[in-house]
C-alpha atoms as a PDB file:
ATOM      1  CA  MET A   1     101.754  52.407  78.894  1.00  0.00           C
ATOM      2  CA  ALA A   2     104.998  51.670  79.839  1.00  0.00           C
ATOM      3  CA  GLU A   3     105.765  51.579  83.740  1.00  0.00           C
ATOM      4  CA  ARG A   4     107.921  53.861  85.309  1.00  0.00           C
ATOM      5  CA  TYR A   5     110.882  52.582  87.122  1.00  0.00           C
ATOM      6  CA  GLU A   6     111.386  53.524  90.585  1.00  0.00           C
ATOM      7  CA  TYR A   7     115.043  53.415  91.363  1.00  0.00           C
ATOM      8  CA  PRO A   8     116.100  52.039  94.519  1.00  0.00           C
ATOM      9  CA  PRO A   9     117.505  54.496  97.497  1.00  0.00           C
ATOM     10  CA  THR A  10     120.952  55.389  97.333  1.00  0.00           C
ATOM     11  CA  GLU A  11     123.361  56.462 100.215  1.00  0.00           C
ATOM     12  CA  PHE A  12     122.998  59.918  99.008  1.00  0.00           C
ATOM     13  CA  ASP A  13     119.022  59.296  98.965  1.00  0.00           C
ATOM     14  CA  PRO A  14     118.271  57.276 102.295  1.00  0.00           C
ATOM     15  CA  LYS A  15     114.506  57.944 101.949  1.00  0.00           C
ATOM     16  CA  PRO A  16     112.304  56.238  99.076  1.00  0.00           C
ATOM     17  CA  ARG A  17     110.072  58.579  96.987  1.00  0.00           C
ATOM     18  CA  ARG A  18     106.942  58.497  97.545  1.00  0.00           C
ATOM     19  CA  ASP A  19     104.366  57.451  95.203  1.00  0.00           C
ATOM     20  CA  ARG A  20     102.242  60.033  94.090  1.00  0.00           C
ATOM     21  CA  VAL A  21      98.651  59.659  93.433  1.00  0.00           C
ATOM     22  CA  PRO A  22      97.146  61.809  91.095  1.00  0.00           C
ATOM     23  CA  GLY A  23      94.981  64.523  92.718  1.00  0.00           C
ATOM     24  CA  LYS A  24      96.250  63.655  96.274  1.00  0.00           C
ATOM     25  CA  ARG A  25      99.112  65.773  96.022  1.00  0.00           C
ATOM     26  CA  ARG A  26      96.970  68.933  95.718  1.00  0.00           C
ATOM     27  CA  ARG A  27      94.201  67.675  98.229  1.00  0.00           C
ATOM     28  CA  TYR A  28      94.169  71.284  99.790  1.00  0.00           C
ATOM     29  CA  PHE A  29      94.993  73.519  97.140  1.00  0.00           C
ATOM     30  CA  PHE A  30      91.483  74.587  96.420  1.00  0.00           C
ATOM     31  CA  LEU A  31      90.761  75.472 100.157  1.00  0.00           C
ATOM     32  CA  LEU A  32      93.845  77.413 100.467  1.00  0.00           C
ATOM     33  CA  LEU A  33      93.269  79.038  97.330  1.00  0.00           C
ATOM     34  CA  ALA A  34      89.910  80.002  98.745  1.00  0.00           C
ATOM     35  CA  LEU A  35      91.561  81.173 101.634  1.00  0.00           C
ATOM     36  CA  ALA A  36      93.729  83.597  99.505  1.00  0.00           C
ATOM     37  CA  ALA A  37      90.768  84.872  97.850  1.00  0.00           C
ATOM     38  CA  PHE A  38      88.808  85.368 101.103  1.00  0.00           C
ATOM     39  CA  VAL A  39      91.692  87.762 102.394  1.00  0.00           C
ATOM     40  CA  ALA A  40      91.440  89.238  98.769  1.00  0.00           C
ATOM     41  CA  ILE A  41      87.891  90.001  98.761  1.00  0.00           C
ATOM     42  CA  PHE A  42      87.746  91.087 102.278  1.00  0.00           C
ATOM     43  CA  ASP A  43      90.665  93.210 101.883  1.00  0.00           C
ATOM     44  CA  HIS A  44      88.884  94.739  99.152  1.00  0.00           C
ATOM     45  CA  ILE A  45      85.332  95.193 100.831  1.00  0.00           C
ATOM     46  CA  THR A  46      86.815  97.040 103.619  1.00  0.00           C
ATOM     47  CA  LYS A  47      88.949  99.244 101.192  1.00  0.00           C
ATOM     48  CA  LYS A  48      85.744 100.120  99.363  1.00  0.00           C
ATOM     49  CA  PHE A  49      83.776 100.733 102.554  1.00  0.00           C
ATOM     50  CA  ILE A  50      86.613 103.353 103.705  1.00  0.00           C
ATOM     51  CA  VAL A  51      86.394 105.044 100.462  1.00  0.00           C
ATOM     52  CA  HIS A  52      82.399 105.253 100.278  1.00  0.00           C
ATOM     53  CA  HIS A  53      82.222 106.358 103.958  1.00  0.00           C
ATOM     54  CA  LEU A  54      85.276 108.438 104.824  1.00  0.00           C
ATOM     55  CA  PRO A  55      87.198 111.357 103.073  1.00  0.00           C
ATOM     56  CA  ALA A  56      90.787 110.693 102.097  1.00  0.00           C
ATOM     57  CA  GLY A  57      92.492 112.275 105.240  1.00  0.00           C
ATOM     58  CA  ARG A  58      90.333 112.014 107.773  1.00  0.00           C
ATOM     59  CA  VAL A  59      90.287 110.240 110.864  1.00  0.00           C
ATOM     60  CA  HIS A  60      87.764 108.592 112.634  1.00  0.00           C
ATOM     61  CA  THR A  61      88.519 107.618 116.500  1.00  0.00           C
ATOM     62  CA  VAL A  62      87.343 104.068 117.452  1.00  0.00           C
ATOM     63  CA  ILE A  63      89.720 103.688 120.954  1.00  0.00           C
ATOM     64  CA  PRO A  64      90.858 107.055 121.942  1.00  0.00           C
ATOM     65  CA  GLY A  65      94.458 107.016 122.087  1.00  0.00           C
ATOM     66  CA  ILE A  66      94.545 103.458 120.485  1.00  0.00           C
ATOM     67  CA  LEU A  67      92.937 102.674 117.572  1.00  0.00           C
ATOM     68  CA  ASN A  68      91.524 104.921 114.739  1.00  0.00           C
ATOM     69  CA  ILE A  69      89.855 104.341 111.706  1.00  0.00           C
ATOM     70  CA  SER A  70      91.737 106.497 108.587  1.00  0.00           C
ATOM     71  CA  HIS A  71      91.901 106.897 105.020  1.00  0.00           C
ATOM     72  CA  VAL A  72      95.404 107.367 103.645  1.00  0.00           C
ATOM     73  CA  LEU A  73      96.837 106.690 100.104  1.00  0.00           C
ATOM     74  CA  ASN A  74      99.972 105.026 100.342  1.00  0.00           C
ATOM     75  CA  THR A  75     102.285 105.384  97.024  1.00  0.00           C
ATOM     76  CA  GLY A  76     104.876 103.838  98.581  1.00  0.00           C
ATOM     77  CA  ALA A  77     105.802 100.689  99.806  1.00  0.00           C
ATOM     78  CA  ALA A  78     105.462  99.008 103.201  1.00  0.00           C
ATOM     79  CA  PHE A  79     105.105 102.182 105.569  1.00  0.00           C
ATOM     80  CA  SER A  80     104.889 104.717 103.301  1.00  0.00           C
ATOM     81  CA  PHE A  81     108.206 103.732 101.897  1.00  0.00           C
ATOM     82  CA  LEU A  82     109.223 105.790  98.838  1.00  0.00           C
ATOM     83  CA  ALA A  83     106.195 107.407  98.592  1.00  0.00           C
ATOM     84  CA  ASP A  84     107.730 110.841  98.400  1.00  0.00           C
ATOM     85  CA  THR A  85     110.076 110.253  95.831  1.00  0.00           C
ATOM     86  CA  ALA A  86     111.291 112.189  93.027  1.00  0.00           C
ATOM     87  CA  SER A  87     109.904 109.960  90.242  1.00  0.00           C
ATOM     88  CA  PRO A  88     106.329 108.180  91.555  1.00  0.00           C
ATOM     89  CA  ASP A  89     105.822 106.261  88.248  1.00  0.00           C
ATOM     90  CA  LEU A  90     109.237 104.802  88.141  1.00  0.00           C
ATOM     91  CA  VAL A  91     108.539 103.822  92.251  1.00  0.00           C
ATOM     92  CA  LEU A  92     104.883 102.420  90.907  1.00  0.00           C
ATOM     93  CA  LYS A  93     106.104 100.040  88.046  1.00  0.00           C
ATOM     94  CA  GLY A  94     108.544  98.847  90.559  1.00  0.00           C
ATOM     95  CA  LEU A  95     106.468  98.561  93.247  1.00  0.00           C
ATOM     96  CA  ILE A  96     104.032  96.638  90.656  1.00  0.00           C
ATOM     97  CA  PHE A  97     106.583  94.361  88.765  1.00  0.00           C
ATOM     98  CA  PHE A  98     107.502  93.316  92.788  1.00  0.00           C
ATOM     99  CA  SER A  99     104.022  92.617  93.751  1.00  0.00           C
ATOM    100  CA  VAL A 100     103.927  90.521  90.433  1.00  0.00           C
ATOM    101  CA  ALA A 101     106.949  88.713  91.172  1.00  0.00           C
ATOM    102  CA  ALA A 102     105.843  88.029  94.995  1.00  0.00           C
ATOM    103  CA  VAL A 103     102.187  86.651  93.972  1.00  0.00           C
ATOM    104  CA  LEU A 104     104.114  84.251  91.204  1.00  0.00           C
ATOM    105  CA  ILE A 105     106.634  83.250  93.832  1.00  0.00           C
ATOM    106  CA  VAL A 106     104.240  82.582  96.564  1.00  0.00           C
ATOM    107  CA  GLY A 107     101.874  80.611  94.210  1.00  0.00           C
ATOM    108  CA  VAL A 108     104.270  78.667  93.580  1.00  0.00           C
ATOM    109  CA  MET A 109     105.347  77.795  96.790  1.00  0.00           C
ATOM    110  CA  LEU A 110     101.796  76.987  97.636  1.00  0.00           C
ATOM    111  CA  LEU A 111     100.946  74.800  94.865  1.00  0.00           C
ATOM    112  CA  ARG A 112     104.393  72.834  96.210  1.00  0.00           C
ATOM    113  CA  ALA A 113     102.642  72.854  99.651  1.00  0.00           C
ATOM    114  CA  CYS A 114      99.237  72.000  99.761  1.00  0.00           C
ATOM    115  CA  ASP A 115      99.492  68.472  99.966  1.00  0.00           C
ATOM    116  CA  THR A 116      99.103  68.888 103.872  1.00  0.00           C
ATOM    117  CA  LEU A 117      97.174  71.794 105.835  1.00  0.00           C
ATOM    118  CA  SER A 118      99.718  73.000 108.124  1.00  0.00           C
ATOM    119  CA  PRO A 119     101.180  76.755 109.300  1.00  0.00           C
ATOM    120  CA  THR A 120     103.575  76.808 106.259  1.00  0.00           C
ATOM    121  CA  SER A 121     100.574  76.177 103.559  1.00  0.00           C
ATOM    122  CA  ILE A 122      97.952  78.524 105.577  1.00  0.00           C
ATOM    123  CA  ALA A 123     100.702  81.317 105.928  1.00  0.00           C
ATOM    124  CA  LEU A 124     101.365  81.156 102.244  1.00  0.00           C
ATOM    125  CA  ALA A 125      97.718  81.289 101.417  1.00  0.00           C
ATOM    126  CA  LEU A 126      97.759  84.405 103.743  1.00  0.00           C
ATOM    127  CA  ILE A 127     100.502  86.224 102.316  1.00  0.00           C
ATOM    128  CA  LEU A 128      99.364  85.126  98.516  1.00  0.00           C
ATOM    129  CA  GLY A 129      95.775  87.021  99.441  1.00  0.00           C
ATOM    130  CA  GLY A 130      97.521  89.853 100.887  1.00  0.00           C
ATOM    131  CA  ALA A 131      99.817  90.568  98.087  1.00  0.00           C
ATOM    132  CA  VAL A 132      97.009  90.269  95.821  1.00  0.00           C
ATOM    133  CA  GLY A 133      94.813  92.538  97.516  1.00  0.00           C
ATOM    134  CA  ASN A 134      97.298  95.307  97.432  1.00  0.00           C
ATOM    135  CA  LEU A 135      98.271  94.740  94.018  1.00  0.00           C
ATOM    136  CA  TYR A 136      94.937  95.286  92.912  1.00  0.00           C
ATOM    137  CA  ASP A 137      95.100  98.626  94.613  1.00  0.00           C
ATOM    138  CA  ARG A 138      98.476  99.256  93.077  1.00  0.00           C
ATOM    139  CA  ILE A 139      97.540  98.494  89.312  1.00  0.00           C
ATOM    140  CA  VAL A 140      93.568 100.001  89.773  1.00  0.00           C
ATOM    141  CA  TYR A 141      94.334 103.376  91.671  1.00  0.00           C
ATOM    142  CA  HIS A 142      98.466 103.679  91.844  1.00  0.00           C
ATOM    143  CA  TYR A 143      98.494 103.850  95.516  1.00  0.00           C
ATOM    144  CA  VAL A 144      97.124 101.613  98.273  1.00  0.00           C
ATOM    145  CA  ILE A 145      94.755 102.373 100.417  1.00  0.00           C
ATOM    146  CA  ASP A 146      95.260 102.311 104.395  1.00  0.00           C
ATOM    147  CA  PHE A 147      92.850 102.791 106.941  1.00  0.00           C
ATOM    148  CA  ILE A 148      93.999 101.131 110.740  1.00  0.00           C
ATOM    149  CA  ALA A 149      95.913 103.693 112.759  1.00  0.00           C
ATOM    150  CA  VAL A 150      97.399 102.060 115.806  1.00  0.00           C
ATOM    151  CA  HIS A 151      98.744 104.248 118.686  1.00  0.00           C
ATOM    152  CA  LEU A 152     100.053 102.871 121.957  1.00  0.00           C
ATOM    153  CA  GLY A 153     100.542 106.571 124.101  1.00  0.00           C
ATOM    154  CA  PRO A 154     103.098 108.995 121.742  1.00  0.00           C
ATOM    155  CA  TYR A 155     104.115 105.827 119.274  1.00  0.00           C
ATOM    156  CA  HIS A 156     102.220 105.448 116.092  1.00  0.00           C
ATOM    157  CA  TRP A 157     102.303 102.249 113.959  1.00  0.00           C
ATOM    158  CA  PRO A 158     102.191 103.581 110.116  1.00  0.00           C
ATOM    159  CA  ASP A 159      98.400 102.797 109.018  1.00  0.00           C
ATOM    160  CA  PHE A 160      97.702  99.748 107.430  1.00  0.00           C
ATOM    161  CA  ASN A 161      94.697  97.534 106.087  1.00  0.00           C
ATOM    162  CA  PHE A 162      93.727  94.384 105.869  1.00  0.00           C
ATOM    163  CA  ALA A 163      96.122  92.723 103.254  1.00  0.00           C
ATOM    164  CA  ASP A 164      99.106  93.606 105.244  1.00  0.00           C
ATOM    165  CA  SER A 165      97.634  92.108 108.375  1.00  0.00           C
ATOM    166  CA  ALA A 166      97.251  88.749 106.325  1.00  0.00           C
ATOM    167  CA  ILE A 167     100.956  89.071 105.026  1.00  0.00           C
ATOM    168  CA  VAL A 168     101.937  89.771 108.856  1.00  0.00           C
ATOM    169  CA  ILE A 169     100.256  86.930 110.097  1.00  0.00           C
ATOM    170  CA  GLY A 170     101.070  84.574 107.424  1.00  0.00           C
ATOM    171  CA  ALA A 171     104.925  85.733 107.812  1.00  0.00           C
ATOM    172  CA  CYS A 172     104.921  85.217 111.733  1.00  0.00           C
ATOM    173  CA  LEU A 173     103.633  81.859 111.284  1.00  0.00           C
ATOM    174  CA  LEU A 174     106.421  81.493 108.661  1.00  0.00           C
ATOM    175  CA  VAL A 175     108.941  82.163 111.424  1.00  0.00           C
ATOM    176  CA  TYR A 176     106.972  80.146 113.937  1.00  0.00           C
ATOM    177  CA  GLU A 177     107.435  77.022 111.701  1.00  0.00           C
ATOM    178  CA  ILE A 178     111.065  77.660 110.810  1.00  0.00           C
ATOM    179  CA  PHE A 179     111.914  78.036 114.966  1.00  0.00           C
ATOM    180  CA  ARG A 180     109.639  75.219 116.216  1.00  0.00           C
ATOM    181  CA  PRO A 181     111.015  72.204 117.765  1.00  0.00           C
ATOM    182  CA  GLN A 182     110.767  69.186 115.196  1.00  0.00           C
ATOM    183  CA  PRO A 183     108.747  66.376 116.801  1.00  0.00           C
ATOM    184  CA  GLU A 184     111.619  63.087 117.602  1.00  0.00           C
ATOM    185  CA  GLU A 185     110.452  61.145 114.106  1.00  0.00           C
ATOM    186  CA  GLU A 186     111.648  63.761 112.094  1.00  0.00           C
ATOM    187  CA  LYS A 187     114.760  64.634 113.884  1.00  0.00           C
ATOM    188  CA  ALA A 188     115.302  60.743 113.333  1.00  0.00           C
ATOM    189  CA  SER A 189     114.532  60.627 109.986  1.00  0.00           C
ATOM    190  CA  VAL A 190     116.859  63.815 108.900  1.00  0.00           C
END
């Protein structure tokens, strides 16, 4: 086997390339994939529970004026956007296409970020699991089952599900990573 030549750092590439040890690059991949699978499976279990215990359109009050468990069939995108369109088949196909693209993109990003266990890699795993959970509903049922209804006085947040919660938590972790202050050693190497 021929040895691989490593080029020395140049003025444009001040940091030497790190050696890629087989297996080390994807050290946390299966752990993060397990987190994504947990989100998708738990989302599916909670939706099945709602389907079997609460008829569609019904609401069960958990905390009066604050939290209800509902059974909503969301044929649109987030917050029921595009739910009342004139061409529901076109919207469904577009949402499935967008969801598949999102799952693939986030999956590749997770694969690239899985060498460390960081807020970014955890966020990507949460987003991947949530996207898979909602994609499953769109493909199998042609709608997404939402069941958590939050009210604060006269204000009502659109109904959502466990997958939506994981996606939002993942997005918040990504925003946190973007805006958090960098440690001094990271600033010096940039």
